[in-house]
Amino acid sequence: MNESDRTGIGPFPESTSYSLHADLRPSLGGSLGRLHRLWRQAINQATVPLGLTECRWAALVHLADLGDGCSQQALAHALAIEMPSLTRTLNQLERQGMVQRRPGAEDRRVHQLWLTPAGRDCVAQLEVRMREVRAAICAGMDDDQLNQLAALLQLMEDNVRSHLANAGRGGS
């Protein structure tokens, strides 16, 4: 596949004034969205042997990041999902023996979450598979390029958050 096939814009001209991002089809945002969907699809494919859906592996990975004892509410916030969706996923993970819910010590209405030993083992396997997928996706890029990409993506995310906050206040 050549550059023309991938981007829909033809071969790259020698001129440094050429703007790939402006001519990218369908758009830069569309390309980022497509990359995100393909990346998740690759992770989903890599995690099939673990018997986990995307919802389940995402909950496990986020729970491991947040740490044992976090509340269901904190996990729902980290995943950017509603509580009923998380409750269904946690029920499934409990049945699989991956997580345990306990009432909060200070407020028994709050459910705190813990990874079980099986859950910790699964997270370790997930991390290995996710690193392998990332290595395959980032093949051909050196550390400097990856650092630059990460910095640019973070800047774009910060800009979107700022834009949304300003739009929410009636700004432009």
N, C-alpha and C. Protein backbone atom coordinates (compact mmCIF):
# COMPACT_ATOMS: atom_id res chain seq x y z
N MET A 1 0.85 -1.17 0.00
CA MET A 1 0.00 0.00 0.00
C MET A 1 0.89 1.23 0.00
N ASN A 2 0.65 2.16 -0.91
CA ASN A 2 1.45 3.38 -0.94
C ASN A 2 0.75 4.50 -0.17
N GLU A 3 1.44 5.62 -0.05
CA GLU A 3 0.88 6.74 0.72
C GLU A 3 -0.45 7.21 0.13
N SER A 4 -0.55 7.19 -1.19
CA SER A 4 -1.79 7.62 -1.84
C SER A 4 -2.97 6.76 -1.41
N ASP A 5 -2.75 5.44 -1.33
CA ASP A 5 -3.82 4.53 -0.92
C ASP A 5 -4.24 4.79 0.52
N ARG A 6 -3.26 5.06 1.38
CA ARG A 6 -3.54 5.22 2.80
C ARG A 6 -4.20 6.55 3.12
N THR A 7 -3.73 7.61 2.51
CA THR A 7 -4.23 8.94 2.88
C THR A 7 -5.27 9.48 1.93
N GLY A 8 -5.31 8.94 0.70
CA GLY A 8 -6.25 9.43 -0.28
C GLY A 8 -5.85 10.75 -0.91
N ILE A 9 -4.57 11.16 -0.75
CA ILE A 9 -4.17 12.46 -1.25
C ILE A 9 -3.04 12.41 -2.27
N GLY A 10 -2.55 11.24 -2.62
CA GLY A 10 -1.46 11.15 -3.58
C GLY A 10 -0.12 11.14 -2.88
N PRO A 11 0.95 10.98 -3.66
CA PRO A 11 2.29 10.92 -3.05
C PRO A 11 2.66 12.26 -2.43
N PHE A 12 3.54 12.21 -1.43
CA PHE A 12 3.96 13.43 -0.75
C PHE A 12 4.87 14.25 -1.66
N PRO A 13 4.57 15.53 -1.86
CA PRO A 13 5.45 16.37 -2.65
C PRO A 13 6.74 16.64 -1.90
N GLU A 14 7.78 17.02 -2.63
CA GLU A 14 9.07 17.32 -2.02
C GLU A 14 9.02 18.62 -1.22
N SER A 15 8.12 19.51 -1.56
CA SER A 15 8.05 20.81 -0.91
C SER A 15 7.73 20.68 0.58
N THR A 16 8.42 21.47 1.38
CA THR A 16 8.15 21.45 2.82
C THR A 16 6.91 22.25 3.16
N SER A 17 6.33 22.97 2.19
CA SER A 17 5.14 23.76 2.47
C SER A 17 3.87 22.91 2.38
N TYR A 18 4.02 21.66 1.97
CA TYR A 18 2.87 20.76 1.85
C TYR A 18 2.28 20.48 3.23
N SER A 19 0.95 20.45 3.34
CA SER A 19 0.27 20.26 4.62
C SER A 19 -0.53 18.96 4.61
N LEU A 20 0.09 17.89 5.06
CA LEU A 20 -0.59 16.59 5.10
C LEU A 20 -1.83 16.66 5.98
N HIS A 21 -1.71 17.27 7.16
CA HIS A 21 -2.84 17.29 8.09
C HIS A 21 -4.05 18.02 7.52
N ALA A 22 -3.83 19.02 6.70
CA ALA A 22 -4.95 19.77 6.13
C ALA A 22 -5.67 18.99 5.03
N ASP A 23 -4.93 18.13 4.32
CA ASP A 23 -5.50 17.38 3.20
C ASP A 23 -5.89 15.95 3.56
N LEU A 24 -5.65 15.55 4.79
CA LEU A 24 -5.94 14.18 5.20
C LEU A 24 -7.42 13.90 5.03
N ARG A 25 -7.74 12.75 4.47
CA ARG A 25 -9.13 12.38 4.23
C ARG A 25 -9.51 11.22 5.13
N PRO A 26 -10.63 11.22 5.84
CA PRO A 26 -11.63 12.28 5.79
C PRO A 26 -11.21 13.52 6.57
N SER A 27 -10.45 13.39 7.64
CA SER A 27 -9.98 14.55 8.40
C SER A 27 -8.97 14.06 9.42
N LEU A 28 -8.26 15.00 10.03
CA LEU A 28 -7.32 14.64 11.08
C LEU A 28 -8.07 14.00 12.25
N GLY A 29 -9.18 14.61 12.65
CA GLY A 29 -9.99 14.04 13.74
C GLY A 29 -10.53 12.67 13.38
N GLY A 30 -10.97 12.51 12.12
CA GLY A 30 -11.45 11.21 11.66
C GLY A 30 -10.36 10.16 11.70
N SER A 31 -9.14 10.56 11.35
CA SER A 31 -8.01 9.63 11.38
C SER A 31 -7.67 9.23 12.81
N LEU A 32 -7.73 10.19 13.73
CA LEU A 32 -7.47 9.86 15.13
C LEU A 32 -8.53 8.90 15.67
N GLY A 33 -9.78 9.15 15.32
CA GLY A 33 -10.86 8.26 15.74
C GLY A 33 -10.70 6.86 15.16
N ARG A 34 -10.33 6.80 13.88
CA ARG A 34 -10.13 5.50 13.23
C ARG A 34 -8.98 4.75 13.87
N LEU A 35 -7.87 5.47 14.15
CA LEU A 35 -6.73 4.84 14.82
C LEU A 35 -7.13 4.29 16.18
N HIS A 36 -7.90 5.07 16.93
CA HIS A 36 -8.37 4.62 18.25
C HIS A 36 -9.20 3.35 18.15
N ARG A 37 -10.13 3.32 17.20
CA ARG A 37 -10.98 2.13 17.04
C ARG A 37 -10.14 0.92 16.62
N LEU A 38 -9.21 1.11 15.71
CA LEU A 38 -8.36 0.00 15.26
C LEU A 38 -7.46 -0.49 16.39
N TRP A 39 -6.93 0.41 17.19
CA TRP A 39 -6.07 0.04 18.31
C TRP A 39 -6.85 -0.80 19.31
N ARG A 40 -8.06 -0.36 19.64
CA ARG A 40 -8.90 -1.12 20.58
C ARG A 40 -9.27 -2.48 19.98
N GLN A 41 -9.52 -2.50 18.69
CA GLN A 41 -9.83 -3.77 18.02
C GLN A 41 -8.64 -4.72 18.14
N ALA A 42 -7.43 -4.21 17.98
CA ALA A 42 -6.23 -5.04 18.11
C ALA A 42 -6.08 -5.56 19.54
N ILE A 43 -6.37 -4.73 20.53
CA ILE A 43 -6.31 -5.18 21.93
C ILE A 43 -7.40 -6.22 22.18
N ASN A 44 -8.60 -5.96 21.68
CA ASN A 44 -9.69 -6.93 21.85
C ASN A 44 -9.29 -8.29 21.27
N GLN A 45 -8.68 -8.27 20.11
CA GLN A 45 -8.24 -9.52 19.47
C GLN A 45 -7.18 -10.22 20.32
N ALA A 46 -6.27 -9.44 20.90
CA ALA A 46 -5.19 -10.01 21.71
C ALA A 46 -5.70 -10.55 23.04
N THR A 47 -6.85 -10.06 23.51
CA THR A 47 -7.35 -10.49 24.82
C THR A 47 -8.41 -11.58 24.74
N VAL A 48 -8.77 -12.01 23.53
CA VAL A 48 -9.77 -13.08 23.37
C VAL A 48 -9.40 -14.31 24.21
N PRO A 49 -8.13 -14.75 24.20
CA PRO A 49 -7.80 -15.95 24.99
C PRO A 49 -8.02 -15.78 26.50
N LEU A 50 -8.11 -14.54 26.96
CA LEU A 50 -8.33 -14.29 28.39
C LEU A 50 -9.81 -14.31 28.76
N GLY A 51 -10.68 -14.41 27.76
CA GLY A 51 -12.11 -14.47 28.01
C GLY A 51 -12.71 -13.16 28.49
N LEU A 52 -12.16 -12.05 28.01
CA LEU A 52 -12.62 -10.74 28.45
C LEU A 52 -13.16 -9.92 27.29
N THR A 53 -14.25 -9.23 27.56
CA THR A 53 -14.76 -8.25 26.60
C THR A 53 -13.99 -6.95 26.84
N GLU A 54 -14.18 -6.00 25.93
CA GLU A 54 -13.52 -4.70 26.09
C GLU A 54 -13.94 -4.03 27.39
N CYS A 55 -15.21 -4.09 27.72
CA CYS A 55 -15.69 -3.48 28.97
C CYS A 55 -14.98 -4.07 30.18
N ARG A 56 -14.80 -5.38 30.16
CA ARG A 56 -14.18 -6.04 31.31
C ARG A 56 -12.69 -5.73 31.41
N TRP A 57 -11.97 -5.83 30.28
CA TRP A 57 -10.52 -5.56 30.39
C TRP A 57 -10.27 -4.10 30.72
N ALA A 58 -11.10 -3.20 30.19
CA ALA A 58 -10.93 -1.78 30.51
C ALA A 58 -11.16 -1.53 32.01
N ALA A 59 -12.18 -2.15 32.57
CA ALA A 59 -12.45 -1.99 34.00
C ALA A 59 -11.30 -2.54 34.84
N LEU A 60 -10.77 -3.70 34.47
CA LEU A 60 -9.65 -4.29 35.22
C LEU A 60 -8.42 -3.40 35.17
N VAL A 61 -8.09 -2.91 33.99
CA VAL A 61 -6.89 -2.06 33.83
C VAL A 61 -7.04 -0.77 34.63
N HIS A 62 -8.22 -0.15 34.56
CA HIS A 62 -8.43 1.08 35.31
C HIS A 62 -8.45 0.83 36.82
N LEU A 63 -9.03 -0.27 37.24
CA LEU A 63 -9.03 -0.61 38.66
C LEU A 63 -7.60 -0.81 39.16
N ALA A 64 -6.79 -1.49 38.37
CA ALA A 64 -5.39 -1.68 38.75
C ALA A 64 -4.68 -0.34 38.88
N ASP A 65 -4.98 0.60 37.98
CA ASP A 65 -4.37 1.93 38.04
C ASP A 65 -4.83 2.72 39.26
N LEU A 66 -6.13 2.64 39.56
CA LEU A 66 -6.68 3.37 40.69
C LEU A 66 -6.26 2.77 42.03
N GLY A 67 -6.09 1.46 42.06
CA GLY A 67 -5.67 0.77 43.28
C GLY A 67 -6.82 0.17 44.04
N ASP A 68 -6.50 -0.89 44.77
CA ASP A 68 -7.50 -1.57 45.59
C ASP A 68 -8.15 -0.60 46.57
N GLY A 69 -9.44 -0.82 46.79
CA GLY A 69 -10.18 0.00 47.73
C GLY A 69 -10.84 1.22 47.11
N CYS A 70 -10.64 1.42 45.80
CA CYS A 70 -11.30 2.57 45.17
C CYS A 70 -12.81 2.29 45.13
N SER A 71 -13.57 3.36 45.03
CA SER A 71 -15.03 3.20 45.00
C SER A 71 -15.49 2.89 43.59
N GLN A 72 -16.69 2.31 43.50
CA GLN A 72 -17.29 2.07 42.19
C GLN A 72 -17.46 3.40 41.46
N GLN A 73 -17.81 4.44 42.19
CA GLN A 73 -18.01 5.76 41.59
C GLN A 73 -16.71 6.27 40.96
N ALA A 74 -15.59 6.09 41.65
CA ALA A 74 -14.29 6.53 41.11
C ALA A 74 -13.94 5.76 39.84
N LEU A 75 -14.23 4.47 39.84
CA LEU A 75 -13.95 3.66 38.65
C LEU A 75 -14.86 4.08 37.50
N ALA A 76 -16.13 4.33 37.77
CA ALA A 76 -17.05 4.78 36.72
C ALA A 76 -16.57 6.10 36.13
N HIS A 77 -16.11 7.00 36.99
CA HIS A 77 -15.60 8.29 36.52
C HIS A 77 -14.35 8.08 35.65
N ALA A 78 -13.44 7.23 36.08
CA ALA A 78 -12.21 6.97 35.32
C ALA A 78 -12.53 6.37 33.95
N LEU A 79 -13.55 5.54 33.88
CA LEU A 79 -13.94 4.91 32.63
C LEU A 79 -14.87 5.79 31.79
N ALA A 80 -15.36 6.87 32.38
CA ALA A 80 -16.31 7.78 31.72
C ALA A 80 -17.57 7.03 31.29
N ILE A 81 -18.10 6.19 32.23
CA ILE A 81 -19.34 5.47 31.96
C ILE A 81 -20.30 5.68 33.13
N GLU A 82 -21.54 5.35 32.89
CA GLU A 82 -22.57 5.47 33.92
C GLU A 82 -22.51 4.27 34.87
N MET A 83 -22.99 4.48 36.10
CA MET A 83 -22.96 3.43 37.12
C MET A 83 -23.69 2.15 36.71
N PRO A 84 -24.87 2.20 36.06
CA PRO A 84 -25.52 0.94 35.69
C PRO A 84 -24.66 0.07 34.76
N SER A 85 -23.95 0.71 33.82
CA SER A 85 -23.06 -0.04 32.92
C SER A 85 -21.92 -0.67 33.70
N LEU A 86 -21.34 0.10 34.62
CA LEU A 86 -20.24 -0.43 35.42
C LEU A 86 -20.72 -1.56 36.33
N THR A 87 -21.89 -1.39 36.91
CA THR A 87 -22.43 -2.43 37.80
C THR A 87 -22.57 -3.76 37.06
N ARG A 88 -23.08 -3.70 35.85
CA ARG A 88 -23.21 -4.93 35.04
C ARG A 88 -21.84 -5.55 34.78
N THR A 89 -20.85 -4.73 34.43
CA THR A 89 -19.50 -5.23 34.17
C THR A 89 -18.88 -5.82 35.44
N LEU A 90 -19.06 -5.15 36.57
CA LEU A 90 -18.51 -5.66 37.83
C LEU A 90 -19.17 -6.96 38.24
N ASN A 91 -20.47 -7.09 37.99
CA ASN A 91 -21.16 -8.36 38.26
C ASN A 91 -20.50 -9.49 37.47
N GLN A 92 -20.20 -9.23 36.20
CA GLN A 92 -19.56 -10.24 35.36
C GLN A 92 -18.16 -10.56 35.86
N LEU A 93 -17.40 -9.53 36.23
CA LEU A 93 -16.04 -9.75 36.73
C LEU A 93 -16.04 -10.48 38.08
N GLU A 94 -17.04 -10.21 38.89
CA GLU A 94 -17.17 -10.95 40.16
C GLU A 94 -17.45 -12.43 39.88
N ARG A 95 -18.34 -12.70 38.93
CA ARG A 95 -18.64 -14.10 38.59
C ARG A 95 -17.41 -14.81 38.04
N GLN A 96 -16.53 -14.06 37.35
CA GLN A 96 -15.30 -14.65 36.83
C GLN A 96 -14.21 -14.75 37.90
N GLY A 97 -14.49 -14.23 39.11
CA GLY A 97 -13.52 -14.29 40.19
C GLY A 97 -12.38 -13.29 40.06
N MET A 98 -12.61 -12.19 39.34
CA MET A 98 -11.56 -11.21 39.09
C MET A 98 -11.56 -10.05 40.09
N VAL A 99 -12.75 -9.68 40.56
CA VAL A 99 -12.87 -8.56 41.50
C VAL A 99 -13.76 -8.95 42.66
N GLN A 100 -13.59 -8.19 43.73
CA GLN A 100 -14.43 -8.36 44.90
C GLN A 100 -14.92 -6.97 45.32
N ARG A 101 -16.21 -6.89 45.66
CA ARG A 101 -16.79 -5.65 46.16
C ARG A 101 -17.01 -5.79 47.66
N ARG A 102 -16.68 -4.73 48.38
CA ARG A 102 -16.93 -4.71 49.82
C ARG A 102 -17.55 -3.38 50.19
N PRO A 103 -18.42 -3.39 51.19
CA PRO A 103 -18.99 -2.11 51.64
C PRO A 103 -17.89 -1.24 52.24
N GLY A 104 -18.04 0.08 52.06
CA GLY A 104 -17.06 1.01 52.61
C GLY A 104 -17.06 0.97 54.12
N ALA A 105 -15.90 1.20 54.72
CA ALA A 105 -15.77 1.17 56.18
C ALA A 105 -16.54 2.33 56.82
N GLU A 106 -16.51 3.50 56.19
CA GLU A 106 -17.15 4.68 56.77
C GLU A 106 -18.58 4.88 56.28
N ASP A 107 -18.86 4.41 55.08
CA ASP A 107 -20.21 4.54 54.51
C ASP A 107 -20.52 3.23 53.81
N ARG A 108 -21.37 2.43 54.42
CA ARG A 108 -21.63 1.09 53.90
C ARG A 108 -22.42 1.09 52.60
N ARG A 109 -22.94 2.28 52.21
CA ARG A 109 -23.62 2.39 50.91
C ARG A 109 -22.61 2.44 49.77
N VAL A 110 -21.38 2.80 50.09
CA VAL A 110 -20.31 2.89 49.09
C VAL A 110 -19.68 1.52 48.92
N HIS A 111 -19.54 1.09 47.68
CA HIS A 111 -18.88 -0.18 47.42
C HIS A 111 -17.44 0.08 47.00
N GLN A 112 -16.51 -0.55 47.71
CA GLN A 112 -15.10 -0.46 47.36
C GLN A 112 -14.71 -1.72 46.60
N LEU A 113 -13.71 -1.58 45.74
CA LEU A 113 -13.33 -2.66 44.83
C LEU A 113 -11.91 -3.13 45.08
N TRP A 114 -11.74 -4.45 44.98
CA TRP A 114 -10.44 -5.07 45.11
C TRP A 114 -10.26 -6.07 43.99
N LEU A 115 -9.03 -6.12 43.45
CA LEU A 115 -8.69 -7.20 42.53
C LEU A 115 -8.42 -8.45 43.35
N THR A 116 -8.90 -9.57 42.89
CA THR A 116 -8.58 -10.85 43.52
C THR A 116 -7.22 -11.31 42.98
N PRO A 117 -6.63 -12.35 43.55
CA PRO A 117 -5.39 -12.88 42.96
C PRO A 117 -5.56 -13.24 41.48
N ALA A 118 -6.70 -13.82 41.12
CA ALA A 118 -6.96 -14.13 39.71
C ALA A 118 -7.05 -12.85 38.88
N GLY A 119 -7.63 -11.82 39.46
CA GLY A 119 -7.73 -10.54 38.77
C GLY A 119 -6.36 -9.91 38.56
N ARG A 120 -5.49 -10.01 39.57
CA ARG A 120 -4.12 -9.47 39.44
C ARG A 120 -3.35 -10.23 38.35
N ASP A 121 -3.51 -11.53 38.33
CA ASP A 121 -2.85 -12.33 37.31
C ASP A 121 -3.36 -11.94 35.92
N CYS A 122 -4.65 -11.74 35.80
CA CYS A 122 -5.24 -11.36 34.52
C CYS A 122 -4.73 -9.99 34.08
N VAL A 123 -4.64 -9.03 35.00
CA VAL A 123 -4.13 -7.70 34.67
C VAL A 123 -2.69 -7.81 34.18
N ALA A 124 -1.89 -8.64 34.82
CA ALA A 124 -0.50 -8.83 34.37
C ALA A 124 -0.46 -9.37 32.94
N GLN A 125 -1.33 -10.33 32.64
CA GLN A 125 -1.40 -10.86 31.27
C GLN A 125 -1.91 -9.80 30.29
N LEU A 126 -2.88 -9.01 30.72
CA LEU A 126 -3.39 -7.92 29.88
C LEU A 126 -2.29 -6.93 29.54
N GLU A 127 -1.50 -6.57 30.55
CA GLU A 127 -0.44 -5.59 30.34
C GLU A 127 0.58 -6.10 29.33
N VAL A 128 0.92 -7.38 29.40
CA VAL A 128 1.85 -7.96 28.43
C VAL A 128 1.26 -7.88 27.03
N ARG A 129 0.02 -8.29 26.88
CA ARG A 129 -0.63 -8.28 25.56
C ARG A 129 -0.79 -6.86 25.03
N MET A 130 -1.11 -5.92 25.90
CA MET A 130 -1.26 -4.53 25.47
C MET A 130 0.09 -3.94 25.04
N ARG A 131 1.17 -4.28 25.74
CA ARG A 131 2.50 -3.82 25.33
C ARG A 131 2.87 -4.39 23.96
N GLU A 132 2.52 -5.66 23.73
CA GLU A 132 2.81 -6.27 22.43
C GLU A 132 2.04 -5.57 21.31
N VAL A 133 0.78 -5.25 21.56
CA VAL A 133 -0.03 -4.55 20.56
C VAL A 133 0.57 -3.17 20.30
N ARG A 134 0.92 -2.47 21.37
CA ARG A 134 1.52 -1.13 21.21
C ARG A 134 2.81 -1.21 20.40
N ALA A 135 3.65 -2.19 20.69
CA ALA A 135 4.91 -2.33 19.95
C ALA A 135 4.65 -2.56 18.46
N ALA A 136 3.65 -3.37 18.15
CA ALA A 136 3.32 -3.62 16.74
C ALA A 136 2.79 -2.36 16.07
N ILE A 137 1.96 -1.61 16.77
CA ILE A 137 1.38 -0.39 16.21
C ILE A 137 2.44 0.69 16.02
N CYS A 138 3.39 0.76 16.93
CA CYS A 138 4.41 1.82 16.89
C CYS A 138 5.68 1.38 16.17
N ALA A 139 5.64 0.23 15.51
CA ALA A 139 6.81 -0.25 14.78
C ALA A 139 7.27 0.81 13.78
N GLY A 140 8.57 1.02 13.71
CA GLY A 140 9.13 2.00 12.78
C GLY A 140 9.26 3.39 13.35
N MET A 141 8.80 3.60 14.58
CA MET A 141 8.93 4.92 15.23
C MET A 141 9.97 4.82 16.33
N ASP A 142 10.83 5.83 16.41
CA ASP A 142 11.83 5.82 17.48
C ASP A 142 11.29 6.57 18.70
N ASP A 143 12.07 6.54 19.79
CA ASP A 143 11.61 7.16 21.04
C ASP A 143 11.33 8.65 20.88
N ASP A 144 12.16 9.36 20.12
CA ASP A 144 11.93 10.79 19.93
C ASP A 144 10.60 11.03 19.23
N GLN A 145 10.31 10.24 18.21
CA GLN A 145 9.04 10.40 17.49
C GLN A 145 7.86 10.08 18.40
N LEU A 146 7.99 9.02 19.18
CA LEU A 146 6.89 8.65 20.10
C LEU A 146 6.69 9.71 21.17
N ASN A 147 7.79 10.28 21.68
CA ASN A 147 7.67 11.35 22.68
C ASN A 147 7.02 12.59 22.07
N GLN A 148 7.39 12.92 20.84
CA GLN A 148 6.79 14.07 20.17
C GLN A 148 5.30 13.81 19.93
N LEU A 149 4.97 12.61 19.48
CA LEU A 149 3.56 12.26 19.26
C LEU A 149 2.78 12.37 20.57
N ALA A 150 3.33 11.81 21.65
CA ALA A 150 2.64 11.86 22.95
C ALA A 150 2.43 13.31 23.40
N ALA A 151 3.44 14.16 23.22
CA ALA A 151 3.33 15.56 23.61
C ALA A 151 2.26 16.27 22.78
N LEU A 152 2.23 16.00 21.49
CA LEU A 152 1.24 16.63 20.62
C LEU A 152 -0.18 16.16 20.94
N LEU A 153 -0.34 14.87 21.20
CA LEU A 153 -1.66 14.36 21.57
C LEU A 153 -2.13 14.96 22.88
N GLN A 154 -1.22 15.10 23.85
CA GLN A 154 -1.60 15.71 25.13
C GLN A 154 -1.99 17.17 24.94
N LEU A 155 -1.24 17.89 24.10
CA LEU A 155 -1.58 19.27 23.81
C LEU A 155 -2.96 19.36 23.16
N MET A 156 -3.23 18.49 22.21
CA MET A 156 -4.54 18.49 21.55
C MET A 156 -5.66 18.19 22.55
N GLU A 157 -5.43 17.22 23.44
CA GLU A 157 -6.44 16.89 24.44
C GLU A 157 -6.68 18.09 25.36
N ASP A 158 -5.60 18.74 25.80
CA ASP A 158 -5.75 19.92 26.65
C ASP A 158 -6.52 21.02 25.92
N ASN A 159 -6.22 21.20 24.63
CA ASN A 159 -6.91 22.22 23.84
C ASN A 159 -8.40 21.91 23.72
N VAL A 160 -8.75 20.63 23.51
CA VAL A 160 -10.16 20.26 23.41
C VAL A 160 -10.86 20.50 24.74
N ARG A 161 -10.22 20.12 25.83
CA ARG A 161 -10.83 20.35 27.15
C ARG A 161 -11.06 21.84 27.39
N SER A 162 -10.09 22.65 27.04
CA SER A 162 -10.22 24.10 27.19
C SER A 162 -11.35 24.64 26.31
N HIS A 163 -11.39 24.16 25.08
CA HIS A 163 -12.45 24.58 24.15
C HIS A 163 -13.83 24.22 24.70
N LEU A 164 -13.97 23.00 25.20
CA LEU A 164 -15.26 22.57 25.74
C LEU A 164 -15.65 23.38 26.97
N ALA A 165 -14.67 23.67 27.82
CA ALA A 165 -14.96 24.46 29.02
C ALA A 165 -15.39 25.87 28.62
N ASN A 166 -14.71 26.45 27.65
CA ASN A 166 -15.08 27.80 27.19
C ASN A 166 -16.44 27.79 26.51
N ALA A 167 -16.71 26.77 25.70
CA ALA A 167 -18.01 26.68 25.01
C ALA A 167 -19.13 26.52 26.03
N GLY A 168 -18.84 25.79 27.11
CA GLY A 168 -19.84 25.58 28.16
C GLY A 168 -20.16 26.87 28.91
N ARG A 169 -19.24 27.83 28.85
CA ARG A 169 -19.45 29.13 29.52
C ARG A 169 -19.95 30.19 28.55
N GLY A 170 -20.28 29.73 27.32
CA GLY A 170 -20.79 30.68 26.33
C GLY A 170 -19.71 31.31 25.51
N GLY A 171 -18.45 30.86 25.68
CA GLY A 171 -17.34 31.39 24.89
C GLY A 171 -17.28 30.72 23.55
N SER A 172 -16.31 31.13 22.76
CA SER A 172 -16.17 30.52 21.43
C SER A 172 -14.91 29.71 21.29
